[in-house]
């Protein structure tokens, strides 16, 4: 079952300011290279994916999944991201 992807106002603002298209966010959510728990919020998970269009830099998408949807909290290119 595919959950609907919804964006918080903060996520949309951050994506616009950081030039992160929804396409990259949705690609990361659907096919992450790796995931990890968010240490600040036990309900949130960090999804990472290498973005070819950005010279392989990693996009970090922080989200919360519920039975109804996948809620995107923020998204940005993370210079220090490395799989653990």
PDB file of N, CA and C in Angstrom:
ATOM      1  N   UNK A   1       0.840  -1.187   0.000  1.00  0.00           N
ATOM      2  CA  UNK A   1       0.000   0.000   0.000  1.00  0.00           C
ATOM      3  C   UNK A   1       0.884   1.249   0.000  1.00  0.00           C
ATOM      4  N   UNK A   2       0.629   2.144  -0.909  1.00  0.00           N
ATOM      5  CA  UNK A   2       1.369   3.394  -0.982  1.00  0.00           C
ATOM      6  C   UNK A   2       0.596   4.465  -0.217  1.00  0.00           C
ATOM      7  N   UNK A   3       1.276   5.092   0.720  1.00  0.00           N
ATOM      8  CA  UNK A   3       0.645   6.172   1.486  1.00  0.00           C
ATOM      9  C   UNK A   3       0.728   7.474   0.696  1.00  0.00           C
ATOM     10  N   UNK A   4      -0.256   8.318   0.882  1.00  0.00           N
ATOM     11  CA  UNK A   4      -0.223   9.649   0.278  1.00  0.00           C
ATOM     12  C   UNK A   4       0.928  10.438   0.904  1.00  0.00           C
ATOM     13  N   UNK A   5       1.673  11.163   0.091  1.00  0.00           N
ATOM     14  CA  UNK A   5       2.754  12.012   0.579  1.00  0.00           C
ATOM     15  C   UNK A   5       2.202  13.418   0.747  1.00  0.00           C
ATOM     16  N   UNK A   6       2.299  13.937   1.972  1.00  0.00           N
ATOM     17  CA  UNK A   6       1.853  15.302   2.262  1.00  0.00           C
ATOM     18  C   UNK A   6       3.036  16.090   2.823  1.00  0.00           C
ATOM     19  N   UNK A   7       3.028  17.385   2.593  1.00  0.00           N
ATOM     20  CA  UNK A   7       4.132  18.257   2.981  1.00  0.00           C
ATOM     21  C   UNK A   7       3.660  19.264   4.029  1.00  0.00           C
ATOM     22  N   UNK A   8       4.454  19.431   5.081  1.00  0.00           N
ATOM     23  CA  UNK A   8       4.154  20.493   6.040  1.00  0.00           C
ATOM     24  C   UNK A   8       4.515  21.833   5.391  1.00  0.00           C
ATOM     25  N   UNK A   9       3.983  22.899   5.955  1.00  0.00           N
ATOM     26  CA  UNK A   9       4.321  24.241   5.451  1.00  0.00           C
ATOM     27  C   UNK A   9       5.821  24.477   5.569  1.00  0.00           C
ATOM     28  N   UNK A  10       6.409  24.020   6.671  1.00  0.00           N
ATOM     29  CA  UNK A  10       7.858  24.179   6.846  1.00  0.00           C
ATOM     30  C   UNK A  10       8.619  23.461   5.736  1.00  0.00           C
ATOM     31  N   UNK A  11       8.214  22.243   5.417  1.00  0.00           N
ATOM     32  CA  UNK A  11       8.905  21.479   4.369  1.00  0.00           C
ATOM     33  C   UNK A  11       8.830  22.210   3.033  1.00  0.00           C
ATOM     34  N   UNK A  12       7.667  22.709   2.680  1.00  0.00           N
ATOM     35  CA  UNK A  12       7.518  23.410   1.397  1.00  0.00           C
ATOM     36  C   UNK A  12       8.384  24.673   1.347  1.00  0.00           C
ATOM     37  N   UNK A  13       8.433  25.409   2.451  1.00  0.00           N
ATOM     38  CA  UNK A  13       9.271  26.610   2.512  1.00  0.00           C
ATOM     39  C   UNK A  13      10.741  26.240   2.396  1.00  0.00           C
ATOM     40  N   UNK A  14      11.166  25.232   3.160  1.00  0.00           N
ATOM     41  CA  UNK A  14      12.569  24.807   3.137  1.00  0.00           C
ATOM     42  C   UNK A  14      12.965  24.315   1.741  1.00  0.00           C
ATOM     43  N   UNK A  15      12.095  23.553   1.107  1.00  0.00           N
ATOM     44  CA  UNK A  15      12.389  23.033  -0.226  1.00  0.00           C
ATOM     45  C   UNK A  15      12.511  24.168  -1.235  1.00  0.00           C
ATOM     46  N   UNK A  16      11.632  25.138  -1.144  1.00  0.00           N
ATOM     47  CA  UNK A  16      11.677  26.280  -2.065  1.00  0.00           C
ATOM     48  C   UNK A  16      12.972  27.068  -1.859  1.00  0.00           C
ATOM     49  N   UNK A  17      13.311  27.366  -0.589  1.00  0.00           N
ATOM     50  CA  UNK A  17      14.516  28.140  -0.285  1.00  0.00           C
ATOM     51  C   UNK A  17      15.790  27.404  -0.679  1.00  0.00           C
ATOM     52  N   UNK A  18      15.755  26.067  -0.642  1.00  0.00           N
ATOM     53  CA  UNK A  18      16.950  25.262  -0.912  1.00  0.00           C
ATOM     54  C   UNK A  18      16.969  24.661  -2.316  1.00  0.00           C
ATOM     55  N   UNK A  19      15.993  25.046  -3.143  1.00  0.00           N
ATOM     56  CA  UNK A  19      15.889  24.542  -4.514  1.00  0.00           C
ATOM     57  C   UNK A  19      15.860  23.016  -4.564  1.00  0.00           C
ATOM     58  N   UNK A  20      15.010  22.425  -3.730  1.00  0.00           N
ATOM     59  CA  UNK A  20      14.835  20.968  -3.697  1.00  0.00           C
ATOM     60  C   UNK A  20      13.468  20.647  -4.309  1.00  0.00           C
ATOM     61  N   UNK A  21      13.434  20.059  -5.508  1.00  0.00           N
ATOM     62  CA  UNK A  21      12.147  19.734  -6.143  1.00  0.00           C
ATOM     63  C   UNK A  21      11.434  18.564  -5.457  1.00  0.00           C
ATOM     64  N   UNK A  22      10.111  18.583  -5.536  1.00  0.00           N
ATOM     65  CA  UNK A  22       9.311  17.485  -4.990  1.00  0.00           C
ATOM     66  C   UNK A  22       9.726  16.148  -5.600  1.00  0.00           C
ATOM     67  N   UNK A  23      10.108  16.150  -6.852  1.00  0.00           N
ATOM     68  CA  UNK A  23      10.533  14.918  -7.521  1.00  0.00           C
ATOM     69  C   UNK A  23      11.667  14.238  -6.751  1.00  0.00           C
ATOM     70  N   UNK A  24      12.653  15.027  -6.301  1.00  0.00           N
ATOM     71  CA  UNK A  24      13.774  14.456  -5.554  1.00  0.00           C
ATOM     72  C   UNK A  24      13.306  13.900  -4.215  1.00  0.00           C
ATOM     73  N   UNK A  25      12.407  14.642  -3.547  1.00  0.00           N
ATOM     74  CA  UNK A  25      11.889  14.204  -2.245  1.00  0.00           C
ATOM     75  C   UNK A  25      11.134  12.893  -2.412  1.00  0.00           C
ATOM     76  N   UNK A  26      10.267  12.823  -3.397  1.00  0.00           N
ATOM     77  CA  UNK A  26       9.459  11.621  -3.588  1.00  0.00           C
ATOM     78  C   UNK A  26      10.319  10.438  -4.014  1.00  0.00           C
ATOM     79  N   UNK A  27      11.332  10.672  -4.824  1.00  0.00           N
ATOM     80  CA  UNK A  27      12.270   9.610  -5.201  1.00  0.00           C
ATOM     81  C   UNK A  27      12.983   9.074  -3.951  1.00  0.00           C
ATOM     82  N   UNK A  28      13.367   9.977  -3.071  1.00  0.00           N
ATOM     83  CA  UNK A  28      14.059   9.589  -1.835  1.00  0.00           C
ATOM     84  C   UNK A  28      13.140   8.786  -0.919  1.00  0.00           C
ATOM     85  N   UNK A  29      11.892   9.210  -0.798  1.00  0.00           N
ATOM     86  CA  UNK A  29      10.938   8.514   0.063  1.00  0.00           C
ATOM     87  C   UNK A  29      10.625   7.116  -0.487  1.00  0.00           C
ATOM     88  N   UNK A  30      10.459   7.014  -1.787  1.00  0.00           N
ATOM     89  CA  UNK A  30      10.077   5.732  -2.391  1.00  0.00           C
ATOM     90  C   UNK A  30      11.244   4.766  -2.540  1.00  0.00           C
ATOM     91  N   UNK A  31      12.467   5.298  -2.726  1.00  0.00           N
ATOM     92  CA  UNK A  31      13.635   4.436  -2.935  1.00  0.00           C
ATOM     93  C   UNK A  31      14.861   5.014  -2.234  1.00  0.00           C
ATOM     94  N   UNK A  32      14.867   5.011  -0.905  1.00  0.00           N
ATOM     95  CA  UNK A  32      16.016   5.583  -0.195  1.00  0.00           C
ATOM     96  C   UNK A  32      17.252   4.697  -0.338  1.00  0.00           C
ATOM     97  N   UNK A  33      18.419   5.331  -0.284  1.00  0.00           N
ATOM     98  CA  UNK A  33      19.661   4.570  -0.224  1.00  0.00           C
ATOM     99  C   UNK A  33      19.819   3.969   1.169  1.00  0.00           C
ATOM    100  N   UNK A  34      19.392   4.725   2.201  1.00  0.00           N
ATOM    101  CA  UNK A  34      19.367   4.208   3.564  1.00  0.00           C
ATOM    102  C   UNK A  34      18.457   5.096   4.408  1.00  0.00           C
ATOM    103  N   UNK A  35      18.078   4.565   5.574  1.00  0.00           N
ATOM    104  CA  UNK A  35      17.248   5.310   6.522  1.00  0.00           C
ATOM    105  C   UNK A  35      17.878   5.194   7.906  1.00  0.00           C
ATOM    106  N   UNK A  36      17.496   6.120   8.778  1.00  0.00           N
ATOM    107  CA  UNK A  36      17.925   6.048  10.178  1.00  0.00           C
ATOM    108  C   UNK A  36      16.904   6.793  11.026  1.00  0.00           C
ATOM    109  N   UNK A  37      16.777   6.409  12.292  1.00  0.00           N
ATOM    110  CA  UNK A  37      15.861   7.141  13.175  1.00  0.00           C
ATOM    111  C   UNK A  37      16.355   8.566  13.382  1.00  0.00           C
ATOM    112  N   UNK A  38      15.431   9.480  13.585  1.00  0.00           N
ATOM    113  CA  UNK A  38      15.802  10.853  13.893  1.00  0.00           C
ATOM    114  C   UNK A  38      16.060  10.920  15.404  1.00  0.00           C
ATOM    115  N   UNK A  39      17.267  11.302  15.823  1.00  0.00           N
ATOM    116  CA  UNK A  39      17.567  11.302  17.255  1.00  0.00           C
ATOM    117  C   UNK A  39      16.785  12.337  18.059  1.00  0.00           C
ATOM    118  N   UNK A  40      16.234  13.341  17.388  1.00  0.00           N
ATOM    119  CA  UNK A  40      15.494  14.396  18.088  1.00  0.00           C
ATOM    120  C   UNK A  40      14.009  14.091  18.249  1.00  0.00           C
ATOM    121  N   UNK A  41      13.485  13.222  17.378  1.00  0.00           N
ATOM    122  CA  UNK A  41      12.040  12.944  17.381  1.00  0.00           C
ATOM    123  C   UNK A  41      11.833  11.459  17.149  1.00  0.00           C
ATOM    124  N   UNK A  42      11.405  10.711  18.173  1.00  0.00           N
ATOM    125  CA  UNK A  42      11.263   9.264  18.019  1.00  0.00           C
ATOM    126  C   UNK A  42      10.221   8.843  16.977  1.00  0.00           C
ATOM    127  N   UNK A  43       9.321   9.740  16.611  1.00  0.00           N
ATOM    128  CA  UNK A  43       8.313   9.403  15.600  1.00  0.00           C
ATOM    129  C   UNK A  43       8.831   9.616  14.184  1.00  0.00           C
ATOM    130  N   UNK A  44       9.929  10.359  14.049  1.00  0.00           N
ATOM    131  CA  UNK A  44      10.435  10.727  12.729  1.00  0.00           C
ATOM    132  C   UNK A  44      11.553   9.792  12.277  1.00  0.00           C
ATOM    133  N   UNK A  45      11.682   9.683  10.949  1.00  0.00           N
ATOM    134  CA  UNK A  45      12.731   8.874  10.335  1.00  0.00           C
ATOM    135  C   UNK A  45      13.405   9.731   9.268  1.00  0.00           C
ATOM    136  N   UNK A  46      14.720   9.580   9.162  1.00  0.00           N
ATOM    137  CA  UNK A  46      15.493  10.278   8.131  1.00  0.00           C
ATOM    138  C   UNK A  46      15.709   9.327   6.958  1.00  0.00           C
ATOM    139  N   UNK A  47      15.372   9.791   5.764  1.00  0.00           N
ATOM    140  CA  UNK A  47      15.591   9.027   4.535  1.00  0.00           C
ATOM    141  C   UNK A  47      16.674   9.751   3.744  1.00  0.00           C
ATOM    142  N   UNK A  48      17.600   8.994   3.171  1.00  0.00           N
ATOM    143  CA  UNK A  48      18.704   9.568   2.416  1.00  0.00           C
ATOM    144  C   UNK A  48      18.775   8.947   1.030  1.00  0.00           C
ATOM    145  N   UNK A  49      19.165   9.778   0.069  1.00  0.00           N
ATOM    146  CA  UNK A  49      19.380   9.287  -1.288  1.00  0.00           C
ATOM    147  C   UNK A  49      20.381  10.189  -2.002  1.00  0.00           C
ATOM    148  N   UNK A  50      21.273   9.570  -2.743  1.00  0.00           N
ATOM    149  CA  UNK A  50      22.216  10.305  -3.573  1.00  0.00           C
ATOM    150  C   UNK A  50      21.453  10.899  -4.753  1.00  0.00           C
ATOM    151  N   UNK A  51      21.665  12.179  -5.012  1.00  0.00           N
ATOM    152  CA  UNK A  51      20.962  12.877  -6.093  1.00  0.00           C
ATOM    153  C   UNK A  51      21.954  13.117  -7.230  1.00  0.00           C
ATOM    154  N   UNK A  52      21.788  12.381  -8.311  1.00  0.00           N
ATOM    155  CA  UNK A  52      22.696  12.468  -9.453  1.00  0.00           C
ATOM    156  C   UNK A  52      22.752  13.890  -9.989  1.00  0.00           C
ATOM    157  N   UNK A  53      21.612  14.565 -10.027  1.00  0.00           N
ATOM    158  CA  UNK A  53      21.539  15.923 -10.559  1.00  0.00           C
ATOM    159  C   UNK A  53      22.334  16.927  -9.722  1.00  0.00           C
ATOM    160  N   UNK A  54      22.723  16.548  -8.514  1.00  0.00           N
ATOM    161  CA  UNK A  54      23.508  17.412  -7.612  1.00  0.00           C
ATOM    162  C   UNK A  54      24.858  16.789  -7.324  1.00  0.00           C
ATOM    163  N   UNK A  55      25.457  16.220  -8.353  1.00  0.00           N
ATOM    164  CA  UNK A  55      26.797  15.650  -8.258  1.00  0.00           C
ATOM    165  C   UNK A  55      26.903  14.594  -7.166  1.00  0.00           C
ATOM    166  N   UNK A  56      25.812  13.860  -6.953  1.00  0.00           N
ATOM    167  CA  UNK A  56      25.824  12.766  -5.994  1.00  0.00           C
ATOM    168  C   UNK A  56      25.679  13.169  -4.545  1.00  0.00           C
ATOM    169  N   UNK A  57      25.440  14.444  -4.272  1.00  0.00           N
ATOM    170  CA  UNK A  57      25.196  14.852  -2.877  1.00  0.00           C
ATOM    171  C   UNK A  57      23.957  14.136  -2.359  1.00  0.00           C
ATOM    172  N   UNK A  58      23.887  13.975  -1.055  1.00  0.00           N
ATOM    173  CA  UNK A  58      22.779  13.237  -0.458  1.00  0.00           C
ATOM    174  C   UNK A  58      21.665  14.169  -0.005  1.00  0.00           C
ATOM    175  N   UNK A  59      20.450  13.794  -0.373  1.00  0.00           N
ATOM    176  CA  UNK A  59      19.271  14.504   0.103  1.00  0.00           C
ATOM    177  C   UNK A  59      18.801  13.825   1.376  1.00  0.00           C
ATOM    178  N   UNK A  60      18.569  14.616   2.413  1.00  0.00           N
ATOM    179  CA  UNK A  60      17.971  14.092   3.645  1.00  0.00           C
ATOM    180  C   UNK A  60      16.521  14.546   3.688  1.00  0.00           C
ATOM    181  N   UNK A  61      15.609  13.596   3.837  1.00  0.00           N
ATOM    182  CA  UNK A  61      14.190  13.889   3.982  1.00  0.00           C
ATOM    183  C   UNK A  61      13.771  13.356   5.347  1.00  0.00           C
ATOM    184  N   UNK A  62      13.245  14.235   6.187  1.00  0.00           N
ATOM    185  CA  UNK A  62      12.767  13.828   7.504  1.00  0.00           C
ATOM    186  C   UNK A  62      11.253  13.732   7.415  1.00  0.00           C
ATOM    187  N   UNK A  63      10.733  12.580   7.836  1.00  0.00           N
ATOM    188  CA  UNK A  63       9.305  12.331   7.678  1.00  0.00           C
ATOM    189  C   UNK A  63       8.739  11.545   8.844  1.00  0.00           C
ATOM    190  N   UNK A  64       7.415  11.577   8.926  1.00  0.00           N
ATOM    191  CA  UNK A  64       6.665  10.762   9.882  1.00  0.00           C
ATOM    192  C   UNK A  64       5.635   9.990   9.076  1.00  0.00           C
ATOM    193  N   UNK A  65       5.595   8.674   9.291  1.00  0.00           N
ATOM    194  CA  UNK A  65       4.603   7.850   8.595  1.00  0.00           C
ATOM    195  C   UNK A  65       3.478   7.484   9.548  1.00  0.00           C
ATOM    196  N   UNK A  66       2.256   7.615   9.048  1.00  0.00           N
ATOM    197  CA  UNK A  66       1.073   7.168   9.786  1.00  0.00           C
ATOM    198  C   UNK A  66       0.348   6.173   8.905  1.00  0.00           C
ATOM    199  N   UNK A  67      -0.731   5.624   9.414  1.00  0.00           N
ATOM    200  CA  UNK A  67      -1.531   4.705   8.598  1.00  0.00           C
ATOM    201  C   UNK A  67      -2.120   5.416   7.384  1.00  0.00           C
ATOM    202  N   UNK A  68      -2.349   6.721   7.503  1.00  0.00           N
ATOM    203  CA  UNK A  68      -3.000   7.475   6.438  1.00  0.00           C
ATOM    204  C   UNK A  68      -2.024   8.066   5.422  1.00  0.00           C
ATOM    205  N   UNK A  69      -0.842   8.523   5.874  1.00  0.00           N
ATOM    206  CA  UNK A  69       0.029   9.243   4.946  1.00  0.00           C
ATOM    207  C   UNK A  69       1.487   9.216   5.381  1.00  0.00           C
ATOM    208  N   UNK A  70       2.310   9.758   4.511  1.00  0.00           N
ATOM    209  CA  UNK A  70       3.715  10.033   4.803  1.00  0.00           C
ATOM    210  C   UNK A  70       3.833  11.547   4.842  1.00  0.00           C
ATOM    211  N   UNK A  71       4.136  12.087   6.026  1.00  0.00           N
ATOM    212  CA  UNK A  71       4.193  13.540   6.204  1.00  0.00           C
ATOM    213  C   UNK A  71       5.650  13.991   6.168  1.00  0.00           C
ATOM    214  N   UNK A  72       5.984  14.828   5.186  1.00  0.00           N
ATOM    215  CA  UNK A  72       7.335  15.346   5.027  1.00  0.00           C
ATOM    216  C   UNK A  72       7.500  16.549   5.951  1.00  0.00           C
ATOM    217  N   UNK A  73       8.499  16.463   6.856  1.00  0.00           N
ATOM    218  CA  UNK A  73       8.758  17.547   7.798  1.00  0.00           C
ATOM    219  C   UNK A  73       9.768  18.547   7.259  1.00  0.00           C
ATOM    220  N   UNK A  74      10.822  18.054   6.588  1.00  0.00           N
ATOM    221  CA  UNK A  74      11.825  18.923   5.987  1.00  0.00           C
ATOM    222  C   UNK A  74      12.646  18.113   4.988  1.00  0.00           C
ATOM    223  N   UNK A  75      13.380  18.810   4.149  1.00  0.00           N
ATOM    224  CA  UNK A  75      14.252  18.162   3.162  1.00  0.00           C
ATOM    225  C   UNK A  75      15.378  19.127   2.812  1.00  0.00           C
ATOM    226  N   UNK A  76      16.598  18.584   2.755  1.00  0.00           N
ATOM    227  CA  UNK A  76      17.751  19.412   2.393  1.00  0.00           C
ATOM    228  C   UNK A  76      18.911  18.535   1.972  1.00  0.00           C
ATOM    229  N   UNK A  77      19.824  19.122   1.204  1.00  0.00           N
ATOM    230  CA  UNK A  77      21.046  18.426   0.815  1.00  0.00           C
ATOM    231  C   UNK A  77      21.984  18.441   2.010  1.00  0.00           C
ATOM    232  N   UNK A  78      22.394  17.251   2.431  1.00  0.00           N
ATOM    233  CA  UNK A  78      23.175  17.059   3.662  1.00  0.00           C
ATOM    234  C   UNK A  78      24.616  16.743   3.291  1.00  0.00           C
ATOM    235  N   UNK A  79      25.503  17.721   3.432  1.00  0.00           N
ATOM    236  CA  UNK A  79      26.901  17.546   3.044  1.00  0.00           C
ATOM    237  C   UNK A  79      27.606  16.453   3.831  1.00  0.00           C
ATOM    238  N   UNK A  80      27.225  16.233   5.073  1.00  0.00           N
ATOM    239  CA  UNK A  80      27.913  15.266   5.916  1.00  0.00           C
ATOM    240  C   UNK A  80      27.280  13.899   5.965  1.00  0.00           C
ATOM    241  N   UNK A  81      26.256  13.654   5.165  1.00  0.00           N
ATOM    242  CA  UNK A  81      25.534  12.374   5.234  1.00  0.00           C
ATOM    243  C   UNK A  81      26.399  11.210   4.750  1.00  0.00           C
ATOM    244  N   UNK A  82      26.454  10.172   5.565  1.00  0.00           N
ATOM    245  CA  UNK A  82      27.156   8.935   5.232  1.00  0.00           C
ATOM    246  C   UNK A  82      26.384   7.775   5.842  1.00  0.00           C
ATOM    247  N   UNK A  83      26.208   6.694   5.107  1.00  0.00           N
ATOM    248  CA  UNK A  83      25.523   5.539   5.700  1.00  0.00           C
ATOM    249  C   UNK A  83      26.321   5.001   6.888  1.00  0.00           C
ATOM    250  N   UNK A  84      25.604   4.553   7.902  1.00  0.00           N
ATOM    251  CA  UNK A  84      26.279   4.022   9.096  1.00  0.00           C
ATOM    252  C   UNK A  84      26.472   2.539   9.009  1.00  0.00           C
TER     253      UNK A  84
END
